[in-house]
Amino acid sequence: MNPPQKISYGRTRRRRSHHALTGTTPGLDPVSGMPKMHHCASEQSGYVRPGLTIKVAKLGIGVAKKARRKAGGPDQGGETK
């Protein structure tokens, strides 16, 4: 079945104007003051939301800088043998 009438170029463009992607706006981490995405942990402090702070030493999230360097490999500042 064919459409009853051809949709004009302008009408097509007006309809597609609502399909544009919008950028994400990061929030601020209240602990470190650095930008962080909503519903994600901050890399510096591990803060997610009030009452939830995570620590992942392997990824260097929410741990001190010394522990980050210690957990890394040779390309991340770790010791080599």
Foldseek 3Di string as FASTA:
>chain_A
DDDPDDDDPVNVVVVCVVVDDDDADFDADPPPRHTDHAQAADQQQQDHDVPDRDDDLLSNRRDDPVSVLCNDDPVSNHDDD
